[in-house]
Amino acid sequence: MIDSGSTACSLYYKGKKVWRSVVMGDDQTCHDGIFVFMAVVPYIKNGPDVHSQLFAIRGEGPAVLLSERLLNEPCEDVGHHHATNDGESYYLDEVLPAPDGVQAVFNRGPDKNDADIMTTNDISWSTIKDWVNEAEASAPIQVAPEGSYRILPLRTNSQDIVPHKN
């Protein structure tokens, strides 16, 4: 259940609030008990909340931060973006339903002409389920007022996700 009333909604599971502020996500980004949503990452490295990223949650959670695994880049607070290893930055711009999963559209920061660099990633429901299972089995829990969440380690090879620029 999502409680609305503002630009962001709280997420509940069986009457218990499991995430305080969901920015984007709906019944079309939910499959087999896993809900994929956009939310602000709470308190990375004891800093302020930072721009929106991609999460998934099963049941009462905790949620799993998917952005780092998907982009294979750490999520670090640098101003209003997340700095990547190659000096780019990113935040989630949209999460949309896709034929067999969800589509995540990231803003990777401005190019040399100050135009936004957008990348789109399609993630299958089977991949999302695998990542949630992996996180539940081995990823440490980060506790924050927004909601508890797990962070997956970065991929060690080119696994199954290939981003494409818009």
N, C-alpha and C. Protein backbone atom coordinates (compact mmCIF):
# COMPACT_ATOMS: atom_id res chain seq x y z
N MET A 1 0.84 -1.17 0.00
CA MET A 1 0.00 0.00 0.00
C MET A 1 0.89 1.23 0.00
N ILE A 2 0.54 2.19 -0.81
CA ILE A 2 1.27 3.46 -0.85
C ILE A 2 0.33 4.55 -0.36
N ASP A 3 0.78 5.31 0.61
CA ASP A 3 0.02 6.40 1.18
C ASP A 3 0.41 7.68 0.46
N SER A 4 -0.54 8.32 -0.20
CA SER A 4 -0.20 9.52 -0.97
C SER A 4 -0.65 10.78 -0.23
N GLY A 5 -0.50 11.90 -0.89
CA GLY A 5 -0.90 13.16 -0.31
C GLY A 5 0.12 14.26 -0.55
N SER A 6 1.25 13.92 -1.13
CA SER A 6 2.27 14.91 -1.46
C SER A 6 2.96 14.43 -2.73
N THR A 7 4.05 15.11 -3.10
CA THR A 7 4.77 14.68 -4.30
C THR A 7 5.44 13.33 -4.09
N ALA A 8 5.72 12.97 -2.85
CA ALA A 8 6.26 11.66 -2.53
C ALA A 8 5.26 10.94 -1.63
N CYS A 9 5.30 9.62 -1.65
CA CYS A 9 4.37 8.79 -0.88
C CYS A 9 5.14 7.87 0.03
N SER A 10 4.49 7.50 1.14
CA SER A 10 5.08 6.50 2.02
C SER A 10 4.64 5.13 1.57
N LEU A 11 5.51 4.15 1.76
CA LEU A 11 5.24 2.77 1.38
C LEU A 11 5.00 1.94 2.64
N TYR A 12 3.89 1.20 2.63
CA TYR A 12 3.52 0.36 3.76
C TYR A 12 3.44 -1.10 3.32
N TYR A 13 3.75 -1.99 4.25
CA TYR A 13 3.56 -3.41 4.04
C TYR A 13 2.80 -3.94 5.25
N LYS A 14 1.60 -4.47 5.03
CA LYS A 14 0.75 -4.99 6.09
C LYS A 14 0.60 -3.99 7.24
N GLY A 15 0.37 -2.72 6.87
CA GLY A 15 0.13 -1.67 7.85
C GLY A 15 1.38 -1.06 8.47
N LYS A 16 2.56 -1.59 8.18
CA LYS A 16 3.81 -1.07 8.74
C LYS A 16 4.52 -0.23 7.67
N LYS A 17 4.91 0.99 8.05
CA LYS A 17 5.64 1.84 7.11
C LYS A 17 7.03 1.26 6.91
N VAL A 18 7.38 0.97 5.62
CA VAL A 18 8.69 0.39 5.32
C VAL A 18 9.60 1.36 4.57
N TRP A 19 9.03 2.43 4.01
CA TRP A 19 9.84 3.47 3.37
C TRP A 19 9.07 4.77 3.44
N ARG A 20 9.72 5.82 3.89
CA ARG A 20 9.02 7.07 4.16
C ARG A 20 8.70 7.87 2.92
N SER A 21 9.51 7.82 1.88
CA SER A 21 9.31 8.74 0.76
C SER A 21 9.63 8.09 -0.58
N VAL A 22 8.62 7.52 -1.23
CA VAL A 22 8.75 6.96 -2.57
C VAL A 22 8.43 8.07 -3.56
N VAL A 23 9.35 8.36 -4.48
CA VAL A 23 9.17 9.43 -5.45
C VAL A 23 8.41 8.93 -6.69
N MET A 24 8.72 7.70 -7.14
CA MET A 24 8.08 7.16 -8.34
C MET A 24 8.05 5.64 -8.24
N GLY A 25 6.93 5.07 -8.70
CA GLY A 25 6.71 3.63 -8.71
C GLY A 25 5.22 3.39 -8.55
N ASP A 26 4.71 2.34 -9.18
CA ASP A 26 3.28 2.04 -9.08
C ASP A 26 3.06 0.57 -9.32
N ASP A 27 1.80 0.17 -9.51
CA ASP A 27 1.50 -1.25 -9.67
C ASP A 27 2.16 -1.85 -10.91
N GLN A 28 2.55 -1.01 -11.88
CA GLN A 28 3.22 -1.51 -13.08
C GLN A 28 4.71 -1.77 -12.84
N THR A 29 5.24 -1.31 -11.71
CA THR A 29 6.64 -1.60 -11.36
C THR A 29 6.69 -2.57 -10.18
N CYS A 30 5.66 -3.40 -10.09
CA CYS A 30 5.56 -4.43 -9.06
C CYS A 30 5.31 -5.78 -9.74
N HIS A 31 6.04 -6.81 -9.30
CA HIS A 31 5.91 -8.13 -9.93
C HIS A 31 6.30 -9.21 -8.92
N ASP A 32 5.45 -10.20 -8.78
CA ASP A 32 5.72 -11.34 -7.88
C ASP A 32 6.19 -10.90 -6.50
N GLY A 33 5.55 -9.89 -5.95
CA GLY A 33 5.86 -9.44 -4.60
C GLY A 33 7.05 -8.52 -4.47
N ILE A 34 7.66 -8.12 -5.59
CA ILE A 34 8.79 -7.19 -5.56
C ILE A 34 8.34 -5.86 -6.17
N PHE A 35 8.52 -4.79 -5.42
CA PHE A 35 8.16 -3.45 -5.87
C PHE A 35 9.44 -2.68 -6.18
N VAL A 36 9.52 -2.13 -7.39
CA VAL A 36 10.67 -1.33 -7.82
C VAL A 36 10.25 0.14 -7.80
N PHE A 37 11.08 0.98 -7.20
CA PHE A 37 10.69 2.37 -7.02
C PHE A 37 11.89 3.32 -7.03
N MET A 38 11.58 4.60 -7.21
CA MET A 38 12.57 5.67 -7.14
C MET A 38 12.44 6.31 -5.76
N ALA A 39 13.58 6.53 -5.12
CA ALA A 39 13.60 7.22 -3.83
C ALA A 39 14.95 7.87 -3.63
N VAL A 40 14.98 8.83 -2.74
CA VAL A 40 16.22 9.49 -2.37
C VAL A 40 17.02 8.52 -1.51
N VAL A 41 18.32 8.44 -1.75
CA VAL A 41 19.19 7.58 -0.94
C VAL A 41 19.44 8.28 0.39
N PRO A 42 19.07 7.66 1.48
CA PRO A 42 19.26 8.32 2.77
C PRO A 42 20.69 8.20 3.29
N TYR A 43 21.25 9.31 3.69
CA TYR A 43 22.47 9.38 4.48
C TYR A 43 23.62 8.50 4.04
N ILE A 44 24.07 8.68 2.81
CA ILE A 44 25.27 7.98 2.35
C ILE A 44 26.47 8.56 3.11
N LYS A 45 27.26 7.71 3.71
CA LYS A 45 28.47 8.11 4.44
C LYS A 45 28.21 9.27 5.40
N ASN A 46 27.13 9.20 6.16
CA ASN A 46 26.77 10.20 7.17
C ASN A 46 26.55 11.59 6.60
N GLY A 47 26.34 11.70 5.31
CA GLY A 47 26.08 13.00 4.69
C GLY A 47 24.59 13.23 4.55
N PRO A 48 24.22 14.25 3.81
CA PRO A 48 22.81 14.54 3.60
C PRO A 48 22.19 13.54 2.62
N ASP A 49 20.85 13.50 2.60
CA ASP A 49 20.18 12.70 1.59
C ASP A 49 20.62 13.21 0.22
N VAL A 50 20.70 12.31 -0.75
CA VAL A 50 21.16 12.68 -2.08
C VAL A 50 20.13 12.28 -3.13
N HIS A 51 20.35 12.69 -4.35
CA HIS A 51 19.38 12.51 -5.42
C HIS A 51 18.84 11.09 -5.56
N SER A 52 17.75 10.99 -6.26
CA SER A 52 17.00 9.75 -6.40
C SER A 52 17.77 8.64 -7.09
N GLN A 53 17.53 7.43 -6.61
CA GLN A 53 18.13 6.22 -7.15
C GLN A 53 17.07 5.13 -7.24
N LEU A 54 17.46 4.00 -7.81
CA LEU A 54 16.55 2.88 -8.03
C LEU A 54 16.65 1.88 -6.89
N PHE A 55 15.49 1.51 -6.35
CA PHE A 55 15.39 0.54 -5.26
C PHE A 55 14.39 -0.54 -5.63
N ALA A 56 14.49 -1.68 -4.95
CA ALA A 56 13.47 -2.74 -5.00
C ALA A 56 13.26 -3.21 -3.56
N ILE A 57 12.04 -3.64 -3.30
CA ILE A 57 11.72 -4.16 -1.97
C ILE A 57 10.77 -5.34 -2.12
N ARG A 58 11.01 -6.37 -1.30
CA ARG A 58 10.09 -7.51 -1.26
C ARG A 58 9.53 -7.55 0.16
N GLY A 59 8.21 -7.61 0.25
CA GLY A 59 7.57 -7.66 1.55
C GLY A 59 7.92 -6.44 2.39
N GLU A 60 8.26 -6.69 3.66
CA GLU A 60 8.60 -5.58 4.54
C GLU A 60 10.05 -5.12 4.40
N GLY A 61 10.79 -5.76 3.49
CA GLY A 61 12.16 -5.32 3.22
C GLY A 61 13.16 -5.94 4.15
N PRO A 62 14.30 -5.30 4.25
CA PRO A 62 14.60 -3.94 3.79
C PRO A 62 14.74 -3.84 2.27
N ALA A 63 14.68 -2.60 1.79
CA ALA A 63 14.83 -2.31 0.37
C ALA A 63 16.25 -2.63 -0.08
N VAL A 64 16.43 -2.74 -1.39
CA VAL A 64 17.75 -2.99 -1.98
C VAL A 64 18.05 -1.86 -2.95
N LEU A 65 19.19 -1.19 -2.78
CA LEU A 65 19.63 -0.16 -3.71
C LEU A 65 20.14 -0.85 -4.98
N LEU A 66 19.47 -0.62 -6.11
CA LEU A 66 19.83 -1.28 -7.37
C LEU A 66 20.75 -0.44 -8.26
N SER A 67 20.75 0.87 -8.09
CA SER A 67 21.49 1.76 -9.01
C SER A 67 22.95 1.41 -9.12
N GLU A 68 23.61 1.18 -7.99
CA GLU A 68 25.04 0.89 -8.02
C GLU A 68 25.33 -0.37 -8.82
N ARG A 69 24.56 -1.43 -8.59
CA ARG A 69 24.77 -2.69 -9.31
C ARG A 69 24.46 -2.51 -10.79
N LEU A 70 23.38 -1.81 -11.08
CA LEU A 70 22.96 -1.62 -12.46
C LEU A 70 24.01 -0.85 -13.27
N LEU A 71 24.50 0.26 -12.72
CA LEU A 71 25.48 1.09 -13.43
C LEU A 71 26.91 0.66 -13.15
N ASN A 72 27.09 -0.24 -12.19
CA ASN A 72 28.40 -0.70 -11.77
C ASN A 72 29.31 0.46 -11.37
N GLU A 73 28.69 1.39 -10.67
CA GLU A 73 29.41 2.57 -10.17
C GLU A 73 28.96 2.85 -8.75
N PRO A 74 29.87 3.26 -7.88
CA PRO A 74 29.47 3.57 -6.50
C PRO A 74 28.58 4.81 -6.44
N CYS A 75 27.78 4.82 -5.44
CA CYS A 75 26.85 5.91 -5.20
C CYS A 75 27.48 6.81 -4.13
N GLU A 76 28.05 7.93 -4.54
CA GLU A 76 28.72 8.82 -3.59
C GLU A 76 28.13 10.20 -3.70
N ASP A 77 27.99 10.87 -2.57
CA ASP A 77 27.41 12.20 -2.54
C ASP A 77 28.45 13.23 -2.98
N VAL A 78 28.18 13.89 -4.10
CA VAL A 78 29.03 14.99 -4.57
C VAL A 78 28.06 16.07 -5.05
N GLY A 79 27.81 17.05 -4.22
CA GLY A 79 26.82 18.06 -4.58
C GLY A 79 25.47 17.41 -4.73
N HIS A 80 24.87 17.58 -5.88
CA HIS A 80 23.55 17.02 -6.11
C HIS A 80 23.57 15.76 -6.96
N HIS A 81 24.73 15.29 -7.34
CA HIS A 81 24.82 14.08 -8.16
C HIS A 81 25.67 13.05 -7.43
N HIS A 82 25.75 11.88 -8.01
CA HIS A 82 26.60 10.82 -7.50
C HIS A 82 27.80 10.72 -8.42
N ALA A 83 28.98 10.78 -7.86
CA ALA A 83 30.19 10.71 -8.69
C ALA A 83 30.48 9.28 -9.07
N THR A 84 30.83 9.06 -10.30
CA THR A 84 31.19 7.73 -10.77
C THR A 84 32.71 7.65 -10.91
N ASN A 85 33.20 6.44 -11.13
CA ASN A 85 34.65 6.24 -11.25
C ASN A 85 35.26 7.03 -12.39
N ASP A 86 34.49 7.27 -13.44
CA ASP A 86 35.04 7.99 -14.58
C ASP A 86 34.77 9.50 -14.51
N GLY A 87 34.34 9.99 -13.34
CA GLY A 87 34.13 11.42 -13.16
C GLY A 87 32.76 11.91 -13.57
N GLU A 88 31.96 11.03 -14.17
CA GLU A 88 30.60 11.41 -14.51
C GLU A 88 29.76 11.43 -13.23
N SER A 89 28.52 11.83 -13.34
CA SER A 89 27.62 11.79 -12.21
C SER A 89 26.31 11.18 -12.67
N TYR A 90 25.50 10.73 -11.72
CA TYR A 90 24.23 10.15 -12.12
C TYR A 90 23.17 10.27 -11.04
N TYR A 91 21.93 10.32 -11.51
CA TYR A 91 20.77 10.16 -10.64
C TYR A 91 19.64 9.59 -11.49
N LEU A 92 18.71 8.92 -10.84
CA LEU A 92 17.59 8.32 -11.55
C LEU A 92 16.59 9.41 -11.93
N ASP A 93 16.25 9.47 -13.20
CA ASP A 93 15.30 10.45 -13.70
C ASP A 93 13.89 9.88 -13.79
N GLU A 94 13.79 8.59 -14.18
CA GLU A 94 12.49 7.93 -14.33
C GLU A 94 12.63 6.44 -14.12
N VAL A 95 11.58 5.83 -13.62
CA VAL A 95 11.46 4.37 -13.62
C VAL A 95 10.11 4.05 -14.26
N LEU A 96 10.16 3.21 -15.28
CA LEU A 96 8.98 2.92 -16.10
C LEU A 96 8.80 1.41 -16.24
N PRO A 97 7.57 0.97 -16.48
CA PRO A 97 7.39 -0.45 -16.77
C PRO A 97 8.00 -0.80 -18.12
N ALA A 98 8.53 -2.00 -18.24
CA ALA A 98 9.06 -2.53 -19.50
C ALA A 98 8.38 -3.88 -19.74
N PRO A 99 8.45 -4.43 -20.95
CA PRO A 99 7.73 -5.68 -21.23
C PRO A 99 8.02 -6.82 -20.26
N ASP A 100 9.28 -6.98 -19.82
CA ASP A 100 9.61 -8.06 -18.90
C ASP A 100 10.37 -7.55 -17.68
N GLY A 101 10.04 -6.35 -17.23
CA GLY A 101 10.74 -5.78 -16.09
C GLY A 101 10.47 -4.30 -15.97
N VAL A 102 11.53 -3.56 -15.71
CA VAL A 102 11.42 -2.10 -15.61
C VAL A 102 12.50 -1.44 -16.45
N GLN A 103 12.27 -0.19 -16.77
CA GLN A 103 13.24 0.61 -17.49
C GLN A 103 13.65 1.76 -16.57
N ALA A 104 14.94 1.93 -16.37
CA ALA A 104 15.47 2.99 -15.53
C ALA A 104 16.20 3.99 -16.41
N VAL A 105 15.80 5.25 -16.32
CA VAL A 105 16.42 6.31 -17.10
C VAL A 105 17.25 7.17 -16.15
N PHE A 106 18.55 7.20 -16.39
CA PHE A 106 19.47 7.94 -15.53
C PHE A 106 19.98 9.19 -16.23
N ASN A 107 20.12 10.25 -15.45
CA ASN A 107 20.78 11.46 -15.91
C ASN A 107 22.23 11.33 -15.46
N ARG A 108 23.15 11.28 -16.42
CA ARG A 108 24.56 11.08 -16.13
C ARG A 108 25.33 12.40 -16.02
N GLY A 109 24.61 13.51 -15.99
CA GLY A 109 25.26 14.80 -15.87
C GLY A 109 25.35 15.49 -17.22
N PRO A 110 25.86 16.68 -17.23
CA PRO A 110 25.94 17.44 -18.49
C PRO A 110 27.14 17.05 -19.34
N ASP A 111 26.96 17.17 -20.66
CA ASP A 111 28.09 16.99 -21.57
C ASP A 111 28.82 18.32 -21.69
N LYS A 112 29.79 18.40 -22.60
CA LYS A 112 30.59 19.63 -22.74
C LYS A 112 29.76 20.82 -23.20
N ASN A 113 28.58 20.56 -23.79
CA ASN A 113 27.69 21.65 -24.22
C ASN A 113 26.59 21.91 -23.20
N ASP A 114 26.73 21.34 -22.02
CA ASP A 114 25.79 21.50 -20.91
C ASP A 114 24.43 20.84 -21.17
N ALA A 115 24.38 19.91 -22.10
CA ALA A 115 23.15 19.14 -22.34
C ALA A 115 23.20 17.87 -21.47
N ASP A 116 22.06 17.47 -20.94
CA ASP A 116 22.00 16.28 -20.09
C ASP A 116 22.33 15.03 -20.89
N ILE A 117 23.14 14.16 -20.30
CA ILE A 117 23.44 12.86 -20.88
C ILE A 117 22.52 11.86 -20.21
N MET A 118 21.61 11.28 -20.98
CA MET A 118 20.64 10.34 -20.44
C MET A 118 20.99 8.92 -20.90
N THR A 119 20.93 7.96 -20.00
CA THR A 119 21.10 6.56 -20.36
C THR A 119 19.88 5.79 -19.87
N THR A 120 19.51 4.79 -20.65
CA THR A 120 18.34 3.98 -20.34
C THR A 120 18.78 2.54 -20.17
N ASN A 121 18.31 1.91 -19.10
CA ASN A 121 18.64 0.52 -18.81
C ASN A 121 17.36 -0.26 -18.61
N ASP A 122 17.22 -1.36 -19.34
CA ASP A 122 16.11 -2.28 -19.11
C ASP A 122 16.61 -3.39 -18.19
N ILE A 123 15.83 -3.68 -17.15
CA ILE A 123 16.21 -4.71 -16.19
C ILE A 123 15.07 -5.72 -16.14
N SER A 124 15.37 -6.97 -16.36
CA SER A 124 14.33 -8.00 -16.36
C SER A 124 13.90 -8.31 -14.92
N TRP A 125 12.67 -8.81 -14.80
CA TRP A 125 12.18 -9.21 -13.49
C TRP A 125 13.04 -10.33 -12.91
N SER A 126 13.54 -11.22 -13.73
CA SER A 126 14.38 -12.31 -13.21
C SER A 126 15.70 -11.76 -12.64
N THR A 127 16.27 -10.74 -13.29
CA THR A 127 17.49 -10.12 -12.76
C THR A 127 17.20 -9.40 -11.45
N ILE A 128 16.10 -8.66 -11.40
CA ILE A 128 15.72 -7.96 -10.17
C ILE A 128 15.54 -8.96 -9.04
N LYS A 129 14.84 -10.05 -9.31
CA LYS A 129 14.62 -11.09 -8.30
C LYS A 129 15.95 -11.66 -7.83
N ASP A 130 16.86 -11.95 -8.76
CA ASP A 130 18.18 -12.47 -8.39
C ASP A 130 18.93 -11.50 -7.49
N TRP A 131 18.88 -10.20 -7.83
CA TRP A 131 19.59 -9.20 -7.03
C TRP A 131 18.98 -9.07 -5.64
N VAL A 132 17.64 -9.10 -5.55
CA VAL A 132 16.99 -9.03 -4.24
C VAL A 132 17.36 -10.27 -3.42
N ASN A 133 17.34 -11.45 -4.03
CA ASN A 133 17.74 -12.68 -3.33
C ASN A 133 19.18 -12.57 -2.83
N GLU A 134 20.07 -12.10 -3.68
CA GLU A 134 21.48 -11.94 -3.30
C GLU A 134 21.62 -10.97 -2.13
N ALA A 135 20.93 -9.86 -2.20
CA ALA A 135 21.01 -8.86 -1.14
C ALA A 135 20.48 -9.42 0.18
N GLU A 136 19.36 -10.12 0.11
CA GLU A 136 18.77 -10.69 1.33
C GLU A 136 19.70 -11.72 1.95
N ALA A 137 20.48 -12.42 1.13
CA ALA A 137 21.38 -13.46 1.62
C ALA A 137 22.69 -12.91 2.17
N SER A 138 23.17 -11.77 1.61
CA SER A 138 24.55 -11.39 1.96
C SER A 138 24.84 -9.90 2.13
N ALA A 139 23.99 -9.01 1.71
CA ALA A 139 24.33 -7.58 1.77
C ALA A 139 24.00 -7.00 3.15
N PRO A 140 24.90 -6.19 3.69
CA PRO A 140 24.64 -5.59 5.01
C PRO A 140 23.49 -4.59 4.95
N ILE A 141 22.81 -4.42 6.06
CA ILE A 141 21.69 -3.49 6.16
C ILE A 141 22.19 -2.12 6.58
N GLN A 142 21.78 -1.10 5.83
CA GLN A 142 22.04 0.29 6.17
C GLN A 142 20.77 0.82 6.85
N VAL A 143 20.88 1.32 8.06
CA VAL A 143 19.71 1.79 8.78
C VAL A 143 19.65 3.31 8.67
N ALA A 144 18.48 3.82 8.24
CA ALA A 144 18.28 5.27 8.08
C ALA A 144 16.83 5.59 8.38
N PRO A 145 16.54 6.81 8.79
CA PRO A 145 15.16 7.19 9.10
C PRO A 145 14.19 7.01 7.93
N GLU A 146 14.67 7.17 6.71
CA GLU A 146 13.84 7.02 5.51
C GLU A 146 13.33 5.59 5.38
N GLY A 147 14.19 4.66 5.72
CA GLY A 147 13.90 3.23 5.62
C GLY A 147 15.22 2.48 5.54
N SER A 148 15.25 1.29 6.06
CA SER A 148 16.47 0.48 6.00
C SER A 148 16.64 -0.07 4.59
N TYR A 149 17.90 -0.25 4.17
CA TYR A 149 18.16 -0.75 2.82
C TYR A 149 19.49 -1.49 2.79
N ARG A 150 19.65 -2.28 1.74
CA ARG A 150 20.88 -3.04 1.52
C ARG A 150 21.57 -2.51 0.26
N ILE A 151 22.89 -2.60 0.25
CA ILE A 151 23.68 -2.18 -0.91
C ILE A 151 24.41 -3.40 -1.45
N LEU A 152 24.16 -3.71 -2.71
CA LEU A 152 24.84 -4.83 -3.36
C LEU A 152 26.27 -4.44 -3.76
N PRO A 153 27.19 -5.38 -3.77
CA PRO A 153 28.53 -5.07 -4.28
C PRO A 153 28.46 -4.83 -5.79
N LEU A 154 29.44 -4.10 -6.29
CA LEU A 154 29.52 -3.86 -7.73
C LEU A 154 29.79 -5.17 -8.46
N ARG A 155 29.43 -5.22 -9.74
CA ARG A 155 29.69 -6.41 -10.55
C ARG A 155 31.19 -6.54 -10.79
N THR A 156 31.66 -7.76 -10.89
CA THR A 156 33.08 -7.99 -11.15
C THR A 156 33.35 -8.26 -12.62
N ASN A 157 32.29 -8.44 -13.40
CA ASN A 157 32.44 -8.62 -14.85
C ASN A 157 31.26 -7.94 -15.54
N SER A 158 31.14 -8.11 -16.81
CA SER A 158 30.11 -7.41 -17.56
C SER A 158 28.74 -8.07 -17.49
N GLN A 159 28.53 -9.02 -16.65
CA GLN A 159 27.29 -9.73 -16.40
C GLN A 159 26.19 -9.46 -17.42
N ASP A 160 25.03 -8.99 -16.98
CA ASP A 160 23.85 -9.04 -17.83
C ASP A 160 23.23 -7.69 -18.20
N ILE A 161 23.82 -6.59 -17.88
CA ILE A 161 23.21 -5.30 -18.13
C ILE A 161 24.08 -4.49 -19.07
N VAL A 162 23.48 -3.99 -20.13
CA VAL A 162 24.19 -3.13 -21.08
C VAL A 162 23.38 -1.85 -21.26
N PRO A 163 23.89 -0.71 -20.74
CA PRO A 163 23.13 0.53 -20.90
C PRO A 163 23.20 1.05 -22.33
N HIS A 164 22.22 1.82 -22.70
CA HIS A 164 22.28 2.49 -24.00
C HIS A 164 21.92 3.95 -23.80
N LYS A 165 22.61 4.82 -24.51
CA LYS A 165 22.37 6.25 -24.41
C LYS A 165 21.16 6.62 -25.23
N ASN A 166 20.40 7.58 -24.73
CA ASN A 166 19.21 8.04 -25.45
C ASN A 166 19.60 8.98 -26.55
